Amino acid sequence: MGLLENKVAIVTGAGSGIGAASAQRFAVEGAAVVVVDIREAKAQETASAIVEAGGHAVAMVVDVADEGDMRRMVADTVTEFGGLDVLFSNAGTLRPGSVTELSVEDWDHVMAVNVRSVFLGGKFAVPAMMERGGGSIINTASISGLHGDGGAVVYAASKAAVINLTRAMATDHSADGIRVNAICPGTIETPPVQRMMQDPVALEVNLAAHSIGRLGRPEEIANAAVWLASDQSSFVTGEALVVDGGLRSRSPLGRLADPRPVHKR
């Protein structure tokens, strides 16, 4: 029996990277998975891979910063699968820049996608989980939320907010049987990071920053997410779990970032 047998899980930003790896791993562990992404084709790609492997999944197109979309996401999940046990709020975005360089519009956009989405996810998921007697909420933060990164001021600020929002939610809803935790990845080989690492200087800087001597893989964050979603972590709540390969220094994340929009993790 899998670690998530008979559970229903939502994974946002599941069209690629950490989200796709986590959705697939949740399904392997027995969960029925709602694969959420703003890109319909990518959401369907992940959901189809799960179904073809013998799992249960549906794709759903959602703007995680939109209140109506997030309400619909939870309501449709309950209709489709009968309830909700796990929410992995993983969708995120990055805009490079210091406080003098970053536009107000980019600040608002990143805060909406990275922080408002976690608030909205909790707002609608908690009542559904209470109907099931409890659940697990997992939020993707970042090592950047603990120490900051050069040239990525809004990303660092948003991920710090996710960490403290996670702790506050955990305090508020422990009595409801709902555990809330965050994962703080180091540099993970997601599609946007792979684009950054095409620059030899960026690759050298990031490899040197991690004690393990390599970048992380999406599957390694998925492993942490499965543990936090499962009953194996039943005494863990309000934590920011660092999965960073021994990151030893701040990285100039924003200076290395592809300026094209990223709406996923």
Protein backbone atom coordinates (compact mmCIF):
# COMPACT_ATOMS: atom_id res chain seq x y z
CA MET A 1 0.00 0.00 0.00
CA GLY A 2 1.29 3.45 -0.93
CA LEU A 3 1.93 6.25 1.52
CA LEU A 4 -1.03 8.25 0.14
CA GLU A 5 -3.47 5.43 -0.51
CA ASN A 6 -7.09 6.64 -0.79
CA LYS A 7 -6.08 10.29 -0.41
CA VAL A 8 -7.09 13.12 -2.73
CA ALA A 9 -4.38 15.67 -3.55
CA ILE A 10 -4.15 18.95 -5.43
CA VAL A 11 -0.77 20.02 -6.82
CA THR A 12 -0.46 23.51 -8.29
CA GLY A 13 2.19 24.43 -10.82
CA ALA A 14 2.12 20.76 -11.81
CA GLY A 15 2.75 21.19 -15.52
CA SER A 16 6.50 20.77 -15.15
CA GLY A 17 9.41 20.75 -12.72
CA ILE A 18 8.77 20.16 -9.03
CA GLY A 19 5.00 20.17 -9.48
CA ALA A 20 4.97 17.55 -12.22
CA ALA A 21 7.39 15.31 -10.34
CA SER A 22 5.32 15.64 -7.17
CA ALA A 23 1.99 14.98 -8.88
CA GLN A 24 3.40 11.83 -10.44
CA ARG A 25 4.94 10.66 -7.16
CA PHE A 26 1.70 11.33 -5.25
CA ALA A 27 -0.12 9.14 -7.78
CA VAL A 28 2.45 6.35 -7.46
CA GLU A 29 1.83 6.45 -3.70
CA GLY A 30 -1.89 5.92 -4.25
CA ALA A 31 -3.40 9.41 -4.32
CA ALA A 32 -5.96 10.67 -6.79
CA VAL A 33 -4.35 13.85 -8.09
CA VAL A 34 -5.74 17.11 -9.43
CA VAL A 35 -3.01 18.48 -11.70
CA VAL A 36 -3.25 22.27 -11.69
CA ASP A 37 -1.41 24.67 -13.99
CA ILE A 38 -2.17 27.90 -15.79
CA ARG A 39 -1.04 26.21 -19.03
CA GLU A 40 -3.70 23.75 -20.18
CA ALA A 41 -1.43 21.68 -22.40
CA LYS A 42 1.17 21.18 -19.67
CA ALA A 43 -1.44 20.28 -17.05
CA GLN A 44 -2.93 17.72 -19.41
CA GLU A 45 0.51 16.33 -20.21
CA THR A 46 1.21 15.57 -16.55
CA ALA A 47 -2.27 14.19 -15.91
CA SER A 48 -2.07 11.96 -18.99
CA ALA A 49 1.31 10.59 -17.87
CA ILE A 50 -0.23 9.65 -14.51
CA VAL A 51 -3.24 7.94 -16.09
CA GLU A 52 -1.08 6.08 -18.60
CA ALA A 53 0.99 4.76 -15.68
CA GLY A 54 -2.16 3.40 -14.05
CA GLY A 55 -2.87 6.28 -11.66
CA HIS A 56 -5.85 8.56 -11.15
CA ALA A 57 -5.59 12.21 -12.21
CA VAL A 58 -7.47 15.07 -13.82
CA ALA A 59 -6.05 18.27 -15.26
CA MET A 60 -7.37 21.66 -14.24
CA VAL A 61 -6.51 25.11 -15.58
CA VAL A 62 -6.31 27.59 -12.71
CA ASP A 63 -4.90 31.07 -12.15
CA VAL A 64 -3.68 30.57 -8.60
CA ALA A 65 -3.82 34.30 -7.87
CA ASP A 66 -7.54 34.48 -8.73
CA GLU A 67 -10.04 34.00 -5.90
CA GLY A 68 -12.77 32.59 -8.12
CA ASP A 69 -10.44 30.11 -9.80
CA MET A 70 -9.12 28.86 -6.45
CA ARG A 71 -12.62 28.45 -5.02
CA ARG A 72 -13.57 26.49 -8.14
CA MET A 73 -10.41 24.38 -7.91
CA VAL A 74 -11.31 23.07 -4.47
CA ALA A 75 -15.03 22.73 -5.17
CA ASP A 76 -14.42 20.79 -8.41
CA THR A 77 -11.91 18.53 -6.64
CA VAL A 78 -14.46 17.65 -3.97
CA THR A 79 -17.09 17.00 -6.67
CA GLU A 80 -14.71 14.83 -8.72
CA PHE A 81 -13.12 12.77 -5.95
CA GLY A 82 -15.36 13.19 -2.91
CA GLY A 83 -13.06 15.28 -0.73
CA LEU A 84 -9.61 16.77 -0.27
CA ASP A 85 -6.75 15.51 1.90
CA VAL A 86 -3.59 17.17 0.54
CA LEU A 87 -2.86 20.55 -1.03
CA PHE A 88 0.61 21.19 -2.42
CA SER A 89 0.69 24.93 -3.19
CA ASN A 90 3.71 24.86 -5.45
CA ALA A 91 3.02 27.35 -8.26
CA GLY A 92 5.36 30.31 -8.26
CA THR A 93 7.13 32.91 -10.35
CA LEU A 94 10.24 35.09 -10.30
CA ARG A 95 11.03 38.57 -11.55
CA PRO A 96 14.65 39.74 -11.21
CA GLY A 97 15.68 43.10 -9.82
CA SER A 98 16.75 45.08 -6.76
CA VAL A 99 14.32 47.49 -5.08
CA THR A 100 15.50 50.28 -7.39
CA GLU A 101 15.23 48.16 -10.53
CA LEU A 102 12.01 46.26 -9.96
CA SER A 103 8.76 47.72 -11.26
CA VAL A 104 5.74 48.01 -8.99
CA GLU A 105 3.81 45.86 -11.45
CA ASP A 106 6.37 43.06 -11.16
CA TRP A 107 6.33 43.31 -7.36
CA ASP A 108 2.53 42.97 -7.31
CA HIS A 109 2.56 40.08 -9.79
CA VAL A 110 5.10 37.99 -7.88
CA MET A 111 3.40 38.63 -4.56
CA ALA A 112 0.06 37.58 -6.07
CA VAL A 113 1.35 34.35 -7.60
CA ASN A 114 3.70 33.37 -4.75
CA VAL A 115 1.85 34.56 -1.63
CA ARG A 116 -1.79 35.37 -2.42
CA SER A 117 -2.08 31.90 -3.96
CA VAL A 118 -0.99 30.22 -0.71
CA PHE A 119 -3.52 32.30 1.24
CA LEU A 120 -6.30 31.44 -1.22
CA GLY A 121 -5.34 27.78 -1.25
CA GLY A 122 -5.60 27.60 2.50
CA LYS A 123 -8.80 29.64 2.58
CA PHE A 124 -10.69 27.14 0.45
CA ALA A 125 -8.82 23.92 1.26
CA VAL A 126 -9.11 24.11 5.05
CA PRO A 127 -12.93 23.80 5.18
CA ALA A 128 -12.82 20.89 2.72
CA MET A 129 -10.15 19.15 4.79
CA MET A 130 -12.13 19.69 7.98
CA GLU A 131 -14.95 17.72 6.36
CA ARG A 132 -12.51 14.80 6.11
CA GLY A 133 -11.27 15.18 9.68
CA GLY A 134 -7.95 16.78 8.72
CA GLY A 135 -5.31 16.98 6.04
CA SER A 136 -1.90 18.25 5.01
CA ILE A 137 -1.02 21.52 3.30
CA ILE A 138 2.45 21.91 1.82
CA ASN A 139 3.74 25.20 0.46
CA THR A 140 6.77 25.67 -1.76
CA ALA A 141 8.95 28.36 -0.22
CA SER A 142 12.68 28.61 -0.99
CA ILE A 143 16.05 28.83 0.65
CA SER A 144 15.86 32.40 -0.66
CA GLY A 145 13.09 33.04 1.86
CA LEU A 146 15.50 32.27 4.68
CA HIS A 147 18.56 34.26 3.62
CA GLY A 148 17.67 36.37 0.59
CA ASP A 149 19.24 36.32 -2.87
CA GLY A 150 20.95 39.06 -4.78
CA GLY A 151 18.98 40.67 -7.57
CA ALA A 152 15.71 38.95 -6.67
CA VAL A 153 14.25 41.11 -3.93
CA VAL A 154 10.58 40.31 -4.51
CA TYR A 155 11.20 36.57 -4.83
CA ALA A 156 13.09 36.56 -1.53
CA ALA A 157 10.40 38.64 0.16
CA SER A 158 7.58 36.48 -1.20
CA LYS A 159 9.18 33.24 -0.08
CA ALA A 160 9.86 34.63 3.40
CA ALA A 161 6.17 35.52 3.53
CA VAL A 162 5.26 31.96 2.52
CA ILE A 163 7.32 30.59 5.40
CA ASN A 164 5.64 32.75 8.03
CA LEU A 165 2.21 32.28 6.47
CA THR A 166 2.83 28.54 6.73
CA ARG A 167 3.68 28.83 10.43
CA ALA A 168 0.63 30.97 11.15
CA MET A 169 -1.69 28.58 9.30
CA ALA A 170 -0.20 25.65 11.20
CA THR A 171 -0.93 27.37 14.51
CA ASP A 172 -4.47 28.27 13.52
CA HIS A 173 -5.51 24.87 12.20
CA SER A 174 -3.68 22.23 14.23
CA ALA A 175 -6.83 21.73 16.30
CA ASP A 176 -8.68 20.97 13.06
CA GLY A 177 -6.31 18.09 12.33
CA ILE A 178 -4.60 20.01 9.53
CA ARG A 179 -0.82 20.13 9.33
CA VAL A 180 0.83 22.94 7.34
CA ASN A 181 4.48 22.85 6.31
CA ALA A 182 6.77 24.49 3.76
CA ILE A 183 9.63 23.14 1.69
CA CYS A 184 12.66 25.37 1.05
CA PRO A 185 14.50 24.03 -2.00
CA GLY A 186 17.97 25.03 -3.07
CA THR A 187 18.66 25.31 -6.80
CA ILE A 188 16.59 22.64 -8.54
CA GLU A 189 16.83 21.60 -12.19
CA THR A 190 13.43 22.91 -13.24
CA PRO A 191 12.96 24.22 -16.82
CA PRO A 192 13.64 27.89 -15.95
CA VAL A 193 16.74 26.94 -13.95
CA GLN A 194 17.98 24.78 -16.81
CA ARG A 195 17.73 27.82 -19.05
CA MET A 196 19.81 29.82 -16.57
CA MET A 197 22.42 27.09 -16.34
CA GLN A 198 23.14 27.28 -20.06
CA ASP A 199 25.39 30.16 -18.99
CA PRO A 200 28.67 28.50 -17.89
CA VAL A 201 29.26 31.18 -15.24
CA ALA A 202 25.81 30.61 -13.74
CA LEU A 203 26.41 26.87 -13.67
CA GLU A 204 29.80 27.25 -11.99
CA VAL A 205 28.46 29.62 -9.35
CA ASN A 206 25.55 27.34 -8.47
CA LEU A 207 27.53 24.13 -8.39
CA ALA A 208 30.10 25.72 -6.09
CA ALA A 209 27.38 27.01 -3.76
CA HIS A 210 26.02 23.54 -2.99
CA SER A 211 28.11 21.34 -0.71
CA ILE A 212 26.88 18.22 -2.49
CA GLY A 213 28.43 19.62 -5.68
CA ARG A 214 25.38 19.43 -7.94
CA LEU A 215 21.95 20.92 -8.41
CA GLY A 216 18.86 19.25 -7.00
CA ARG A 217 16.38 17.22 -9.01
CA PRO A 218 12.61 17.81 -8.98
CA GLU A 219 12.15 14.23 -7.78
CA GLU A 220 14.13 15.02 -4.64
CA ILE A 221 11.67 17.76 -3.69
CA ALA A 222 8.80 15.41 -4.57
CA ASN A 223 10.21 12.93 -2.05
CA ALA A 224 10.01 15.58 0.68
CA ALA A 225 6.49 16.56 -0.39
CA VAL A 226 5.28 12.96 -0.22
CA TRP A 227 6.68 12.59 3.29
CA LEU A 228 4.98 15.80 4.46
CA ALA A 229 1.71 14.73 2.82
CA SER A 230 1.78 11.29 4.43
CA ASP A 231 1.08 10.06 7.93
CA GLN A 232 4.81 9.40 8.34
CA SER A 233 5.15 13.11 9.20
CA SER A 234 2.14 13.12 11.56
CA PHE A 235 4.02 15.01 14.31
CA VAL A 236 5.41 17.69 11.97
CA THR A 237 3.67 21.03 11.44
CA GLY A 238 4.71 24.65 11.04
CA GLU A 239 8.11 23.67 9.69
CA ALA A 240 10.21 25.06 6.83
CA LEU A 241 11.97 21.93 5.61
CA VAL A 242 15.26 22.82 3.92
CA VAL A 243 16.18 20.60 0.95
CA ASP A 244 19.14 22.46 -0.51
CA GLY A 245 22.11 20.14 -1.01
CA GLY A 246 24.09 21.98 1.66
CA LEU A 247 23.80 25.44 0.12
CA ARG A 248 26.66 27.43 1.61
CA SER A 249 26.21 30.95 0.27
CA ARG A 250 23.73 33.40 -1.15
CA SER A 251 23.45 33.17 -4.90
CA PRO A 252 22.91 36.06 -7.34
CA LEU A 253 19.62 34.42 -8.33
CA GLY A 254 18.03 37.42 -9.98
CA ARG A 255 21.17 38.23 -11.95
CA LEU A 256 21.10 34.76 -13.47
CA ALA A 257 17.36 34.60 -14.09
CA ASP A 258 15.76 34.35 -17.48
CA PRO A 259 13.61 37.51 -17.65
CA ARG A 260 10.81 35.69 -19.45
CA PRO A 261 7.70 35.05 -17.35
CA VAL A 262 7.71 31.95 -15.17
CA HIS A 263 4.42 30.83 -13.61
CA LYS A 264 5.45 27.58 -12.07
CA ARG A 265 7.97 25.81 -9.84
